[in-house]
Each structure stands twice: as structure tokens, then as C-alpha cells.
Protein backbone atom coordinates (compact mmCIF):
# COMPACT_ATOMS: atom_id res chain seq x y z
CA MET A 1 -10.71 -17.67 132.19
CA LYS A 2 -10.43 -13.99 133.05
CA HIS A 3 -11.32 -11.45 130.44
CA GLN A 4 -10.19 -7.83 130.59
CA GLU A 5 -10.45 -4.79 128.32
CA GLY A 6 -8.45 -1.62 128.15
CA SER A 7 -7.00 1.08 125.90
CA PHE A 8 -3.61 2.66 125.17
CA LYS A 9 -2.18 5.29 122.88
CA GLY A 10 -0.80 3.96 119.57
CA ALA A 11 0.93 5.63 116.72
CA ARG A 12 0.08 9.33 116.30
CA GLY A 13 -1.58 9.29 119.74
CA THR A 14 -4.51 7.28 118.43
CA GLY A 15 -6.73 5.57 121.02
CA ILE A 16 -6.32 1.87 120.75
CA PHE A 17 -8.71 -0.76 122.24
CA TYR A 18 -7.37 -4.05 123.51
CA GLN A 19 -8.51 -7.21 125.19
CA SER A 20 -6.90 -10.02 127.21
CA TRP A 21 -8.07 -13.55 128.00
CA LEU A 22 -6.04 -15.10 130.93
CA PRO A 23 -5.95 -18.64 132.33
CA ASP A 24 -7.03 -19.07 135.94
CA THR A 25 -3.34 -19.97 136.87
CA GLY A 26 -0.16 -18.43 135.78
CA PRO A 27 0.36 -18.68 132.03
CA LYS A 28 3.16 -20.58 130.44
CA ALA A 29 3.40 -18.18 127.57
CA ALA A 30 1.62 -15.25 125.90
CA LEU A 31 0.12 -15.25 122.47
CA VAL A 32 -0.75 -11.94 120.78
CA ILE A 33 -3.35 -11.88 118.08
CA VAL A 34 -2.78 -9.51 115.11
CA HIS A 35 -6.13 -9.47 113.25
CA GLY A 36 -6.90 -8.97 109.57
CA LEU A 37 -8.21 -6.22 107.40
CA ALA A 38 -11.60 -4.73 108.26
CA GLU A 39 -12.25 -6.93 111.31
CA HIS A 40 -11.24 -6.89 114.99
CA CYS A 41 -9.54 -8.97 117.68
CA GLY A 42 -12.85 -10.00 119.22
CA ARG A 43 -13.43 -12.47 116.33
CA TYR A 44 -10.93 -14.93 117.61
CA THR A 45 -13.12 -16.88 119.98
CA ASN A 46 -12.11 -20.32 118.65
CA LEU A 47 -8.36 -19.60 119.05
CA ILE A 48 -8.95 -18.07 122.54
CA ASN A 49 -11.04 -21.05 123.73
CA HIS A 50 -8.39 -23.39 122.59
CA PHE A 51 -5.26 -21.70 123.91
CA VAL A 52 -6.42 -20.18 127.21
CA PRO A 53 -7.52 -23.56 128.76
CA SER A 54 -4.10 -24.95 127.62
CA GLY A 55 -2.36 -22.34 129.88
CA TYR A 56 -1.68 -19.41 127.50
CA ALA A 57 -2.42 -15.81 128.08
CA VAL A 58 -3.99 -14.37 124.82
CA TYR A 59 -4.01 -10.73 123.96
CA GLY A 60 -5.28 -8.69 120.98
CA HIS A 61 -5.78 -5.13 119.98
CA ASP A 62 -7.91 -3.45 117.27
CA HIS A 63 -5.72 -1.84 114.67
CA ILE A 64 -5.96 1.90 113.97
CA GLY A 65 -9.17 2.51 111.99
CA HIS A 66 -10.59 -0.89 113.04
CA GLY A 67 -13.04 -2.31 115.54
CA ARG A 68 -13.27 -0.24 118.77
CA SER A 69 -10.03 1.69 118.12
CA ASP A 70 -10.01 5.28 116.91
CA GLY A 71 -9.14 6.48 113.39
CA THR A 72 -10.83 6.65 109.97
CA ARG A 73 -12.16 3.27 109.05
CA VAL A 74 -9.68 1.01 107.21
CA TYR A 75 -7.35 3.91 106.68
CA VAL A 76 -3.79 4.48 107.75
CA GLN A 77 -1.35 7.27 106.98
CA ARG A 78 1.62 4.92 106.70
CA PHE A 79 1.97 1.13 107.25
CA GLU A 80 4.38 1.72 110.07
CA ASP A 81 1.58 3.14 112.14
CA PHE A 82 0.41 -0.55 112.40
CA THR A 83 3.75 -1.89 113.37
CA ASP A 84 4.68 0.98 115.67
CA THR A 85 1.30 0.41 117.50
CA LEU A 86 2.02 -3.33 117.71
CA LYS A 87 5.43 -2.57 119.17
CA THR A 88 3.82 -0.47 121.91
CA PHE A 89 1.31 -3.21 122.71
CA LEU A 90 3.91 -6.02 122.75
CA ASP A 91 6.08 -3.96 125.13
CA MET A 92 2.98 -3.75 127.39
CA VAL A 93 2.32 -7.55 127.22
CA ARG A 94 6.04 -8.24 127.92
CA GLY A 95 5.82 -6.00 130.99
CA TRP A 96 2.93 -8.06 132.30
CA HIS A 97 4.79 -11.36 131.55
CA PRO A 98 8.51 -10.46 131.67
CA ASP A 99 9.79 -14.03 131.97
CA LYS A 100 7.37 -15.76 129.54
CA PRO A 101 7.76 -16.78 125.92
CA LEU A 102 5.87 -14.38 123.59
CA PHE A 103 4.39 -15.49 120.25
CA LEU A 104 2.66 -13.56 117.46
CA ALA A 105 -0.46 -14.96 115.73
CA GLY A 106 -1.04 -12.89 112.58
CA GLN A 107 -4.06 -13.39 110.36
CA SER A 108 -4.33 -12.14 106.81
CA MET A 109 -3.26 -8.36 106.87
CA GLY A 110 -2.15 -9.21 110.44
CA GLY A 111 0.30 -11.66 108.89
CA LEU A 112 1.70 -8.78 106.77
CA ILE A 113 1.89 -6.55 109.83
CA GLY A 114 3.65 -9.32 111.77
CA ALA A 115 6.13 -10.03 109.03
CA ALA A 116 6.95 -6.40 108.67
CA TYR A 117 7.38 -6.14 112.37
CA LEU A 118 9.82 -9.06 112.47
CA LEU A 119 12.06 -7.21 110.03
CA ASP A 120 12.76 -4.74 112.74
CA HIS A 121 11.96 -6.38 116.11
CA GLN A 122 12.20 -10.13 115.92
CA GLU A 123 14.48 -10.27 118.96
CA ASP A 124 11.44 -9.41 121.02
CA LEU A 125 9.59 -12.72 120.26
CA THR A 126 10.00 -16.49 120.63
CA GLY A 127 8.16 -17.37 117.47
CA ALA A 128 5.36 -16.29 115.05
CA VAL A 129 2.40 -18.10 113.48
CA PHE A 130 0.97 -16.62 110.28
CA SER A 131 -2.44 -17.82 109.05
CA SER A 132 -3.42 -16.93 105.48
CA PRO A 133 -0.86 -14.11 105.41
CA SER A 134 -1.66 -11.30 103.00
CA VAL A 135 1.95 -11.00 101.70
CA LYS A 136 1.39 -11.25 97.84
CA VAL A 137 -0.88 -9.17 95.61
CA PRO A 138 -3.68 -11.60 94.37
CA ASP A 139 -3.52 -12.37 90.63
CA HIS A 140 -7.09 -11.11 90.09
CA ILE A 141 -6.04 -7.58 91.13
CA SER A 142 -5.06 -6.01 87.77
CA SER A 143 -2.07 -3.75 87.29
CA ALA A 144 -4.49 -0.93 86.28
CA THR A 145 -6.17 -1.31 89.71
CA ILE A 146 -2.84 -1.09 91.41
CA LEU A 147 -1.87 2.01 89.50
CA MET A 148 -5.23 3.58 90.28
CA GLY A 149 -4.71 2.85 93.91
CA LYS A 150 -1.31 4.50 93.90
CA LEU A 151 -2.75 7.60 92.17
CA LEU A 152 -5.75 7.79 94.53
CA SER A 153 -3.52 7.35 97.60
CA ALA A 154 -1.76 10.60 96.57
CA VAL A 155 -4.77 12.64 95.53
CA ALA A 156 -7.69 11.05 97.41
CA PRO A 157 -6.22 8.83 100.07
CA LYS A 158 -9.53 8.03 101.76
CA ALA A 159 -11.34 7.01 98.53
CA GLY A 160 -12.77 3.53 98.53
CA LEU A 161 -10.98 1.05 96.25
CA ILE A 162 -11.77 -2.63 96.86
CA ALA A 163 -14.31 -4.43 99.13
CA LEU A 164 -13.75 -7.85 100.55
CA ASP A 165 -15.87 -10.82 99.50
CA ALA A 166 -17.54 -11.95 102.75
CA GLY A 167 -18.42 -15.31 101.20
CA GLY A 168 -14.68 -16.08 101.08
CA VAL A 169 -14.18 -15.87 104.84
CA SER A 170 -15.23 -19.38 105.62
CA ARG A 171 -17.16 -22.42 104.25
CA ASP A 172 -19.26 -22.28 107.37
CA PRO A 173 -22.43 -20.27 106.59
CA ALA A 174 -22.87 -19.31 110.23
CA VAL A 175 -19.39 -17.72 110.31
CA VAL A 176 -20.18 -15.67 107.16
CA GLN A 177 -23.49 -14.60 108.61
CA ALA A 178 -21.86 -13.47 111.87
CA TYR A 179 -19.24 -11.65 109.89
CA VAL A 180 -21.71 -9.55 107.73
CA THR A 181 -23.87 -8.71 110.77
CA ASP A 182 -21.01 -7.82 113.11
CA PRO A 183 -21.23 -4.04 113.71
CA LEU A 184 -17.49 -3.89 114.36
CA VAL A 185 -16.58 -5.44 110.95
CA TYR A 186 -16.24 -2.93 108.21
CA THR A 187 -17.91 -4.07 104.93
CA GLY A 188 -17.20 -1.02 102.83
CA LYS A 189 -14.23 -0.58 100.41
CA THR A 190 -10.70 -0.44 101.58
CA THR A 191 -9.19 3.11 101.33
CA ALA A 192 -6.74 3.85 98.58
CA ARG A 193 -4.04 4.90 101.07
CA LEU A 194 -4.25 1.58 103.05
CA ALA A 195 -4.14 -0.47 99.84
CA ALA A 196 -1.10 1.37 98.63
CA GLU A 197 0.57 1.07 101.99
CA MET A 198 -0.07 -2.64 102.10
CA LEU A 199 1.41 -2.96 98.63
CA LYS A 200 4.61 -1.23 99.79
CA ALA A 201 4.76 -3.50 102.86
CA MET A 202 4.38 -6.54 100.65
CA GLN A 203 7.23 -5.43 98.54
CA ARG A 204 9.44 -4.85 101.59
CA VAL A 205 8.62 -8.20 103.13
CA SER A 206 9.33 -10.05 99.88
CA ALA A 207 12.62 -8.20 99.46
CA GLU A 208 13.86 -8.45 103.03
CA ALA A 209 12.30 -11.65 104.44
CA GLY A 210 15.79 -13.41 104.36
CA TRP A 211 16.63 -11.35 107.50
CA ILE A 212 13.90 -13.15 109.48
CA THR A 213 15.39 -16.00 111.48
CA LEU A 214 12.73 -16.51 114.13
CA PRO A 215 10.82 -19.85 114.28
CA ILE A 216 7.88 -19.43 111.81
CA LEU A 217 4.79 -21.48 111.16
CA ILE A 218 2.65 -20.61 108.15
CA VAL A 219 -0.85 -22.18 107.70
CA GLN A 220 -2.94 -21.49 104.68
CA GLY A 221 -6.21 -22.46 103.06
CA GLY A 222 -5.68 -23.94 99.58
CA ALA A 223 -8.98 -22.48 98.29
CA ASP A 224 -8.51 -19.04 99.86
CA ARG A 225 -10.14 -16.35 97.65
CA LEU A 226 -9.21 -13.37 99.79
CA VAL A 227 -5.43 -13.67 99.65
CA ASP A 228 -3.23 -15.46 97.16
CA PRO A 229 -2.46 -18.88 98.63
CA SER A 230 0.92 -18.84 96.86
CA GLY A 231 1.99 -16.09 99.18
CA ALA A 232 2.33 -18.55 102.06
CA ARG A 233 4.82 -20.61 100.00
CA MET A 234 6.63 -17.50 98.88
CA LEU A 235 7.01 -16.30 102.49
CA TYR A 236 8.17 -19.75 103.54
CA GLU A 237 10.86 -19.89 100.91
CA LYS A 238 12.21 -16.36 101.48
CA VAL A 239 12.43 -16.23 105.28
CA GLY A 240 15.87 -17.05 106.58
CA SER A 241 14.69 -19.11 109.52
CA LYS A 242 16.12 -22.49 109.95
CA ASP A 243 13.06 -23.50 111.96
CA LYS A 244 10.15 -22.87 109.53
CA THR A 245 7.05 -24.79 108.48
CA VAL A 246 4.31 -24.19 105.88
CA LYS A 247 1.17 -26.24 105.88
CA VAL A 248 -1.57 -25.78 103.19
CA TYR A 249 -5.06 -27.17 103.95
CA ASP A 250 -6.52 -28.11 100.52
CA GLY A 251 -10.01 -26.91 99.88
CA LEU A 252 -10.19 -24.61 102.96
CA TYR A 253 -11.00 -20.91 102.85
CA HIS A 254 -9.41 -17.82 104.34
CA GLU A 255 -10.06 -17.92 108.12
CA LEU A 256 -8.71 -21.36 109.02
CA TYR A 257 -9.57 -20.86 112.73
CA ASN A 258 -13.24 -20.41 111.65
CA GLU A 259 -13.38 -23.25 109.20
CA PRO A 260 -15.28 -26.55 110.01
CA GLU A 261 -11.89 -28.28 110.49
CA ARG A 262 -10.71 -25.62 112.98
CA GLY A 263 -10.27 -28.15 115.84
CA GLN A 264 -7.52 -30.09 114.09
CA ILE A 265 -5.87 -26.87 112.81
CA LEU A 266 -5.84 -25.23 116.24
CA THR A 267 -4.47 -28.46 117.82
CA TYR A 268 -1.72 -28.47 115.19
CA VAL A 269 -0.81 -24.85 115.82
CA GLU A 270 -0.83 -25.25 119.61
CA LYS A 271 1.44 -28.29 119.41
CA TRP A 272 3.85 -26.23 117.24
CA VAL A 273 3.89 -23.44 119.79
CA ALA A 274 4.17 -25.70 122.78
CA SER A 275 7.25 -27.48 121.30
CA ARG A 276 9.00 -24.14 121.13
CA LEU A 277 8.48 -22.91 124.65
CA LYS A 278 11.71 -21.79 126.36
């Protein structure tokens, strides 16, 4: 496996950090990680160690305001800054592998970014895998909190609103410990502007998902406390793809690739991807 790091200019000229993990021989396809809220692309070791030995090139970048990329932490002026930056990165990856199938692997907020991206650019890809996609407002987030977020987004966009529950990441205590001690993981509160922009993106995806016709796989933990598990079923029902699958793992938490059962989940995902190589 060959590991490389680099940077490029994303939306608004922001410096974006990226990584690649390449097989020793020519890859049969490329898989681009789109990571979740407050984390970074370097946390996907289990996925990388499964896919690269199977012949895939894996890429990932840290979103604006995340990980080793520039920008105010967990803040974005507009949600399109995420999708525009992803477009730039995917164009780079396609330039490196012009004749290879290209897949997205979006986790949590990365699933929301990926779904929003497909609304405008699905012709660029062969397929997409969404794990625990954050496409529906959790029921425990009150309407008052949503209203407060909208108001703060306008008057104090960088104010903290909601913090993630680290204990909901995985049932594996070692994963939780690594998460809370990772200096590149942001453990403060999400900014009001990002929360409001995510809400708008959720509303757009819900309203327009019927336009998505790309092969889609959605995997979801049934005991997820960080996103509403019913969002996976909602997305599955609304996308217009003829080739679509949703699989819910009862009792599992948010980060399926970091759960104790990750081996069987990654094998399932890789088989799905492999069967759609062109």
C-alpha cells in the first residue's frame, strides 16, 4: 500500500488537506471517502485496510473547517462550499484514474454532502455508498432548538449550538477513547451556521431525491443515537434509482465501519461495489 498526502484549493480558496491510499498494482476502481461532522478522513483505517488490498484506490479529504484543512472549526458559510470542494477533489481523482469506475463512500454528514452532490453531478460517478447518512433531523432535536439555530445562524453564525455524544460513535470502547483523544476530532459544539445549512441541505435532499438514479447502497445502525436511523429508509424510498439497497444492522451504533461487526459489514459493502464495476 502506498500512502500519499497533499493539498488543494477548495471553495473560497480554502486550503484543503487530502490523503490517498493506493494498491501496489493498478487499481480496478477508486473510492472517495466523504467523512462526517467534526472528524476527518484519517479515521477510516478499517475501510482503507479492507478496500486497498482488494485492489481499490482510496481517497479522502478533510472538509472545510475540519481535520487538517483550513477554516473556522465546524463552520461553513454555505453548504455548497462542501459540495463544490468535493467536486474539485473528484475531478482531481478522475484525472488520476480517467478510465476507472468512481464511487463515493459518505458517512453521516458525509452522506448528506454526497446525496446533495448527486443532485447536481451524479453523472460523474459509478455508484455511492452511504453509511448512517445524516439526512433527517433527529426527533430529539426540538423545534425550538431548530428555530434558535436559524436565528443564531443569521445574527451569530459561529455560536456553538449542539455537541455530539462521543459515546454514540461505537459500541467498541477503544474506538470511543481514540475518538475523544484524537486532536483532529473537534469535540466542541457545532456552529449555528453549519447546523442551519445542514437543515437546508436535508430539506433539499428530501424534496429532490427522486432525481437520483445512480446505484445506491445505504447501510445503517439500528441503534444509532447520532443520526435518526429512519433517515436511511426515507432516503432509500425517495431516491429514484432502480438499483438501490438499504440494510439496517439492528443494535449497532453510528460508525458501522468501527463497530465490532465491521468485518462482515465491510465485506458486504465491498461485494456490492465489486458487482457494479464497469
